N, C-alpha and C. Protein backbone atom coordinates (compact mmCIF):
# COMPACT_ATOMS: atom_id res chain seq x y z
N MET A 1 130.80 99.79 115.53
CA MET A 1 129.93 100.85 115.07
C MET A 1 128.66 100.84 115.93
N PRO A 2 128.28 101.98 116.49
CA PRO A 2 127.08 102.03 117.32
C PRO A 2 125.81 101.86 116.50
N ARG A 3 124.79 101.37 117.17
CA ARG A 3 123.48 101.21 116.54
C ARG A 3 122.49 102.15 117.19
N GLY A 4 121.53 102.62 116.45
CA GLY A 4 120.49 103.49 117.00
C GLY A 4 119.33 103.60 116.04
N TYR A 5 118.33 104.31 116.45
CA TYR A 5 117.16 104.50 115.60
C TYR A 5 117.43 105.56 114.54
N GLY A 6 116.87 105.40 113.38
CA GLY A 6 116.92 106.40 112.33
C GLY A 6 115.50 106.73 111.91
N ALA A 7 115.30 107.96 111.52
CA ALA A 7 113.95 108.38 111.13
C ALA A 7 113.70 108.09 109.66
N ASN A 8 112.52 107.65 109.34
CA ASN A 8 112.07 107.42 107.98
C ASN A 8 110.62 107.86 107.88
N TYR A 9 110.20 108.16 106.69
CA TYR A 9 108.78 108.41 106.47
C TYR A 9 108.44 107.98 105.06
N ALA A 10 107.18 107.75 104.82
CA ALA A 10 106.72 107.39 103.48
C ALA A 10 105.31 107.92 103.29
N ASP A 11 105.06 108.48 102.13
CA ASP A 11 103.70 108.79 101.72
C ASP A 11 103.19 107.52 101.07
N THR A 12 102.11 106.97 101.57
CA THR A 12 101.66 105.65 101.14
C THR A 12 100.26 105.67 100.55
N ILE A 13 99.96 104.59 99.81
CA ILE A 13 98.62 104.36 99.29
C ILE A 13 98.28 102.90 99.58
N SER A 14 97.05 102.63 99.98
CA SER A 14 96.63 101.28 100.33
C SER A 14 96.48 100.42 99.08
N ASP A 15 96.50 99.11 99.28
CA ASP A 15 96.27 98.18 98.18
C ASP A 15 94.90 98.44 97.54
N GLU A 16 93.91 98.70 98.37
CA GLU A 16 92.55 98.93 97.87
C GLU A 16 92.48 100.18 97.00
N ASN A 17 93.11 101.26 97.45
CA ASN A 17 93.08 102.49 96.66
C ASN A 17 93.93 102.36 95.40
N LEU A 18 95.03 101.62 95.49
CA LEU A 18 95.85 101.39 94.30
C LEU A 18 95.08 100.58 93.27
N GLU A 19 94.37 99.56 93.72
CA GLU A 19 93.56 98.77 92.80
C GLU A 19 92.47 99.63 92.16
N ALA A 20 91.87 100.52 92.93
CA ALA A 20 90.83 101.40 92.38
C ALA A 20 91.41 102.33 91.32
N LEU A 21 92.63 102.77 91.49
CA LEU A 21 93.26 103.68 90.53
C LEU A 21 93.83 102.97 89.30
N CYS A 22 94.29 101.73 89.49
CA CYS A 22 95.02 101.06 88.41
C CYS A 22 94.35 99.78 87.91
N GLY A 23 93.26 99.38 88.54
CA GLY A 23 92.44 98.27 88.08
C GLY A 23 93.17 97.02 87.66
N GLU A 24 93.05 96.69 86.39
CA GLU A 24 93.59 95.44 85.84
C GLU A 24 95.11 95.35 85.98
N ASP A 25 95.81 96.45 85.85
CA ASP A 25 97.27 96.39 85.98
C ASP A 25 97.68 95.98 87.38
N TYR A 26 96.97 96.45 88.39
CA TYR A 26 97.22 96.02 89.77
C TYR A 26 96.92 94.53 89.92
N LYS A 27 95.74 94.12 89.47
CA LYS A 27 95.33 92.72 89.60
C LYS A 27 96.29 91.79 88.86
N ASN A 28 96.68 92.17 87.64
CA ASN A 28 97.58 91.33 86.85
C ASN A 28 98.93 91.15 87.53
N PHE A 29 99.47 92.22 88.08
CA PHE A 29 100.75 92.11 88.78
C PHE A 29 100.64 91.21 90.00
N MET A 30 99.62 91.43 90.82
CA MET A 30 99.48 90.65 92.05
C MET A 30 99.25 89.16 91.73
N GLU A 31 98.51 88.87 90.68
CA GLU A 31 98.28 87.47 90.31
C GLU A 31 99.55 86.81 89.74
N GLU A 32 100.27 87.53 88.90
CA GLU A 32 101.46 86.95 88.28
C GLU A 32 102.54 86.63 89.31
N ARG A 33 102.72 87.50 90.28
CA ARG A 33 103.77 87.25 91.27
C ARG A 33 103.45 85.99 92.09
N LYS A 34 102.16 85.64 92.22
CA LYS A 34 101.79 84.43 92.94
C LYS A 34 102.27 83.17 92.22
N LYS A 35 102.40 83.24 90.90
CA LYS A 35 102.84 82.07 90.13
C LYS A 35 104.29 81.70 90.44
N TYR A 36 105.07 82.67 90.86
CA TYR A 36 106.49 82.43 91.09
C TYR A 36 106.79 82.04 92.52
N GLN A 37 106.01 82.50 93.44
CA GLN A 37 106.23 82.17 94.83
C GLN A 37 104.89 82.10 95.54
N GLU A 38 104.62 81.00 96.14
CA GLU A 38 103.36 80.82 96.86
C GLU A 38 103.50 81.31 98.30
N ILE A 39 103.88 82.56 98.44
CA ILE A 39 103.99 83.20 99.74
C ILE A 39 103.31 84.55 99.67
N ASP A 40 103.09 85.16 100.82
CA ASP A 40 102.35 86.42 100.80
C ASP A 40 103.19 87.56 100.24
N VAL A 41 102.55 88.66 99.94
CA VAL A 41 103.21 89.78 99.27
C VAL A 41 104.32 90.37 100.14
N ASN A 42 104.18 90.31 101.47
CA ASN A 42 105.24 90.80 102.34
C ASN A 42 106.53 90.04 102.10
N ASP A 43 106.45 88.71 102.12
CA ASP A 43 107.63 87.88 101.92
C ASP A 43 108.15 87.96 100.50
N PHE A 44 107.26 88.17 99.55
CA PHE A 44 107.66 88.21 98.14
C PHE A 44 108.69 89.29 97.87
N PHE A 45 108.63 90.38 98.61
CA PHE A 45 109.54 91.49 98.36
C PHE A 45 110.67 91.58 99.38
N THR A 46 110.96 90.49 100.05
CA THR A 46 112.12 90.46 100.93
C THR A 46 113.29 89.89 100.16
N GLN A 47 114.37 89.58 100.86
CA GLN A 47 115.59 89.16 100.18
C GLN A 47 115.42 87.88 99.36
N GLU A 48 114.46 87.04 99.68
CA GLU A 48 114.26 85.82 98.89
C GLU A 48 113.36 86.05 97.67
N GLY A 49 112.77 87.21 97.58
CA GLY A 49 111.75 87.42 96.56
C GLY A 49 112.16 88.26 95.39
N TYR A 50 111.22 89.03 94.89
CA TYR A 50 111.34 89.77 93.65
C TYR A 50 112.53 90.72 93.60
N LEU A 51 112.86 91.33 94.73
CA LEU A 51 113.95 92.30 94.71
C LEU A 51 115.26 91.66 94.26
N ASN A 52 115.37 90.35 94.40
CA ASN A 52 116.52 89.61 93.89
C ASN A 52 116.05 88.60 92.84
N ALA A 53 115.08 88.99 92.03
CA ALA A 53 114.44 88.08 91.08
C ALA A 53 115.44 87.55 90.05
N GLU A 54 115.21 86.33 89.67
CA GLU A 54 116.00 85.70 88.62
C GLU A 54 115.51 86.20 87.26
N PRO A 55 116.35 86.10 86.24
CA PRO A 55 115.94 86.58 84.91
C PRO A 55 114.67 85.93 84.37
N GLU A 56 114.37 84.69 84.78
CA GLU A 56 113.16 84.05 84.27
C GLU A 56 111.89 84.67 84.84
N ASP A 57 112.02 85.52 85.82
CA ASP A 57 110.86 86.19 86.41
C ASP A 57 110.53 87.49 85.67
N LYS A 58 110.90 87.58 84.42
CA LYS A 58 110.73 88.82 83.65
C LYS A 58 109.28 89.25 83.55
N LYS A 59 108.36 88.31 83.50
CA LYS A 59 106.94 88.65 83.40
C LYS A 59 106.49 89.46 84.62
N VAL A 60 106.96 89.06 85.81
CA VAL A 60 106.62 89.80 87.02
C VAL A 60 107.19 91.22 86.94
N ALA A 61 108.44 91.32 86.51
CA ALA A 61 109.09 92.63 86.39
C ALA A 61 108.36 93.51 85.37
N GLU A 62 107.93 92.91 84.26
CA GLU A 62 107.21 93.67 83.24
C GLU A 62 105.87 94.19 83.77
N LEU A 63 105.15 93.35 84.49
CA LEU A 63 103.86 93.76 85.04
C LEU A 63 104.02 94.79 86.15
N TYR A 64 105.09 94.67 86.92
CA TYR A 64 105.39 95.67 87.95
C TYR A 64 105.66 97.02 87.28
N ALA A 65 106.48 97.02 86.24
CA ALA A 65 106.79 98.26 85.51
C ALA A 65 105.53 98.86 84.90
N LYS A 66 104.65 98.00 84.38
CA LYS A 66 103.39 98.49 83.79
C LYS A 66 102.50 99.12 84.86
N LEU A 67 102.44 98.49 86.03
CA LEU A 67 101.65 99.05 87.13
C LEU A 67 102.19 100.42 87.53
N LEU A 68 103.51 100.54 87.66
CA LEU A 68 104.11 101.83 88.02
C LEU A 68 103.81 102.89 86.97
N ASP A 69 103.88 102.49 85.71
CA ASP A 69 103.61 103.42 84.61
C ASP A 69 102.14 103.87 84.62
N THR A 70 101.23 102.93 84.81
CA THR A 70 99.80 103.26 84.86
C THR A 70 99.50 104.21 86.01
N PHE A 71 100.10 103.93 87.17
CA PHE A 71 99.90 104.81 88.32
C PHE A 71 100.39 106.22 88.00
N ASN A 72 101.55 106.33 87.37
CA ASN A 72 102.10 107.63 87.01
C ASN A 72 101.20 108.35 86.02
N LYS A 73 100.70 107.63 85.02
CA LYS A 73 99.80 108.25 84.03
C LYS A 73 98.49 108.70 84.66
N ASN A 74 97.99 107.93 85.63
CA ASN A 74 96.71 108.26 86.27
C ASN A 74 96.81 109.33 87.34
N THR A 75 98.00 109.52 87.91
CA THR A 75 98.13 110.44 89.04
C THR A 75 99.18 111.53 88.86
N GLY A 76 100.17 111.32 88.00
CA GLY A 76 101.29 112.24 87.90
C GLY A 76 102.32 112.02 88.99
N LEU A 77 102.18 110.95 89.77
CA LEU A 77 103.07 110.63 90.88
C LEU A 77 103.83 109.35 90.59
N GLU A 78 104.92 109.11 91.33
CA GLU A 78 105.70 107.89 91.17
C GLU A 78 105.36 106.91 92.29
N LEU A 79 105.37 105.63 91.95
CA LEU A 79 105.00 104.57 92.89
C LEU A 79 106.12 103.55 92.98
N PHE A 80 106.36 103.04 94.19
CA PHE A 80 107.33 101.98 94.42
C PHE A 80 106.78 101.04 95.48
N LEU A 81 107.01 99.76 95.31
CA LEU A 81 106.64 98.80 96.35
C LEU A 81 107.85 98.61 97.25
N CYS A 82 107.65 98.82 98.53
CA CYS A 82 108.74 98.74 99.50
C CYS A 82 108.35 97.77 100.62
N TYR A 83 109.31 97.49 101.48
CA TYR A 83 109.09 96.55 102.58
C TYR A 83 109.78 97.05 103.83
N HIS A 84 109.09 96.97 104.95
CA HIS A 84 109.67 97.32 106.25
C HIS A 84 109.47 96.14 107.19
N ASP A 85 110.56 95.65 107.75
CA ASP A 85 110.51 94.54 108.70
C ASP A 85 110.33 95.11 110.10
N GLU A 86 109.27 94.71 110.76
CA GLU A 86 108.99 95.24 112.09
C GLU A 86 110.13 94.98 113.08
N ASP A 87 110.90 93.93 112.85
CA ASP A 87 112.02 93.64 113.74
C ASP A 87 113.13 94.67 113.65
N ASP A 88 113.15 95.45 112.57
CA ASP A 88 114.15 96.51 112.41
C ASP A 88 113.60 97.87 112.83
N GLY A 89 112.40 97.90 113.36
CA GLY A 89 111.75 99.16 113.68
C GLY A 89 111.42 99.31 115.14
N ASP A 90 110.28 99.93 115.40
CA ASP A 90 109.86 100.27 116.74
C ASP A 90 108.37 99.96 116.89
N VAL A 91 107.91 99.82 118.11
CA VAL A 91 106.50 99.49 118.35
C VAL A 91 105.56 100.58 117.86
N TYR A 92 106.06 101.79 117.66
CA TYR A 92 105.21 102.88 117.20
C TYR A 92 105.19 103.04 115.68
N ASP A 93 105.89 102.18 114.96
CA ASP A 93 105.88 102.26 113.50
C ASP A 93 104.47 102.09 112.96
N GLU A 94 104.14 102.88 111.96
CA GLU A 94 102.84 102.78 111.32
C GLU A 94 102.88 101.87 110.10
N ILE A 95 104.06 101.41 109.75
CA ILE A 95 104.24 100.54 108.60
C ILE A 95 104.87 99.23 109.06
N ASN A 96 104.29 98.13 108.61
CA ASN A 96 104.86 96.81 108.87
C ASN A 96 104.56 95.94 107.67
N GLY A 97 105.60 95.41 107.06
CA GLY A 97 105.42 94.58 105.89
C GLY A 97 105.51 95.42 104.62
N HIS A 98 104.78 94.98 103.58
CA HIS A 98 104.88 95.70 102.31
C HIS A 98 104.06 96.99 102.38
N PHE A 99 104.52 97.97 101.61
CA PHE A 99 103.76 99.21 101.47
C PHE A 99 104.08 99.84 100.13
N TRP A 100 103.11 100.54 99.59
CA TRP A 100 103.26 101.25 98.32
C TRP A 100 103.67 102.68 98.64
N HIS A 101 104.90 103.02 98.32
CA HIS A 101 105.48 104.34 98.58
C HIS A 101 105.21 105.23 97.38
N VAL A 102 104.66 106.42 97.64
CA VAL A 102 104.34 107.37 96.58
C VAL A 102 105.29 108.56 96.67
N GLU A 103 105.96 108.86 95.56
CA GLU A 103 106.88 110.00 95.48
C GLU A 103 106.23 111.14 94.71
N GLY A 104 106.58 112.37 95.05
CA GLY A 104 106.11 113.53 94.31
C GLY A 104 104.85 114.15 94.86
N VAL A 105 104.50 113.81 96.10
CA VAL A 105 103.26 114.30 96.68
C VAL A 105 103.38 115.76 97.10
N TYR A 106 104.53 116.14 97.63
CA TYR A 106 104.70 117.49 98.15
C TYR A 106 105.74 118.27 97.36
N GLN A 107 105.59 119.58 97.36
CA GLN A 107 106.58 120.45 96.75
C GLN A 107 106.74 121.68 97.62
N MET A 108 107.88 122.33 97.48
CA MET A 108 108.14 123.53 98.27
C MET A 108 107.23 124.68 97.87
N THR A 109 106.94 125.51 98.84
CA THR A 109 106.21 126.74 98.53
C THR A 109 107.15 127.69 97.80
N GLU A 110 106.61 128.73 97.24
CA GLU A 110 107.44 129.72 96.55
C GLU A 110 108.45 130.33 97.52
N ALA A 111 108.01 130.62 98.74
CA ALA A 111 108.92 131.18 99.74
C ALA A 111 110.00 130.16 100.12
N GLY A 112 109.62 128.91 100.30
CA GLY A 112 110.57 127.87 100.65
C GLY A 112 111.60 127.63 99.57
N GLU A 113 111.17 127.69 98.33
CA GLU A 113 112.07 127.48 97.20
C GLU A 113 113.19 128.51 97.18
N LYS A 114 112.90 129.73 97.59
CA LYS A 114 113.92 130.79 97.62
C LYS A 114 115.07 130.44 98.56
N PHE A 115 114.78 129.64 99.59
CA PHE A 115 115.78 129.33 100.60
C PHE A 115 116.12 127.84 100.67
N HIS A 116 115.84 127.11 99.58
CA HIS A 116 116.06 125.66 99.60
C HIS A 116 117.51 125.27 99.85
N ASP A 117 118.45 126.17 99.55
CA ASP A 117 119.86 125.84 99.75
C ASP A 117 120.36 126.16 101.15
N VAL A 118 119.54 126.79 101.98
CA VAL A 118 119.97 127.11 103.33
C VAL A 118 119.09 126.47 104.41
N ILE A 119 117.94 125.95 104.03
CA ILE A 119 117.05 125.28 104.98
C ILE A 119 117.13 123.78 104.71
N GLU A 120 117.35 123.00 105.74
CA GLU A 120 117.48 121.55 105.61
C GLU A 120 116.36 120.85 106.36
N ARG A 121 115.79 119.82 105.77
CA ARG A 121 114.83 118.97 106.46
C ARG A 121 115.64 117.90 107.18
N LYS A 122 115.41 117.77 108.47
CA LYS A 122 116.10 116.77 109.27
C LYS A 122 115.05 115.97 110.05
N PHE A 123 115.38 114.74 110.34
CA PHE A 123 114.46 113.85 111.04
C PHE A 123 115.08 113.42 112.36
N TYR A 124 114.25 113.11 113.32
CA TYR A 124 114.74 112.58 114.57
C TYR A 124 113.68 111.68 115.19
N VAL A 125 114.11 110.83 116.09
CA VAL A 125 113.19 109.99 116.84
C VAL A 125 113.38 110.26 118.32
N THR A 126 112.39 109.97 119.09
CA THR A 126 112.48 110.13 120.53
C THR A 126 111.98 108.86 121.19
N PHE A 127 112.41 108.64 122.40
CA PHE A 127 111.90 107.53 123.19
C PHE A 127 110.85 108.10 124.15
N GLY A 128 109.74 107.39 124.28
CA GLY A 128 108.72 107.94 125.16
C GLY A 128 107.77 106.95 125.70
């Protein structure tokens, strides 16, 4: 199977702005996850970390869910913590390590909605 670049994008929010919007729920989640693994947040969400969390890590999962819920209540948007490994990307990537992905930021215009079944969004990468 051939390998090549694939296009991705994410609407993101910084840790600082997320903390400003969610206050204690952000702080509580970040502190609790430290109790389970004494590694940085980037590593925490890789294959050895929370994404494959054991059932005893329920407190971390509960605080993560609470943070997502608080963000949704405060903004009307959905939040997810994601991870991008620079080794799987390109030197021009704007994301490396953990990032907070925000869903629901954009919506189609009235004109675009009329043709949503015939117009497709496609992504591509170039070498330069």
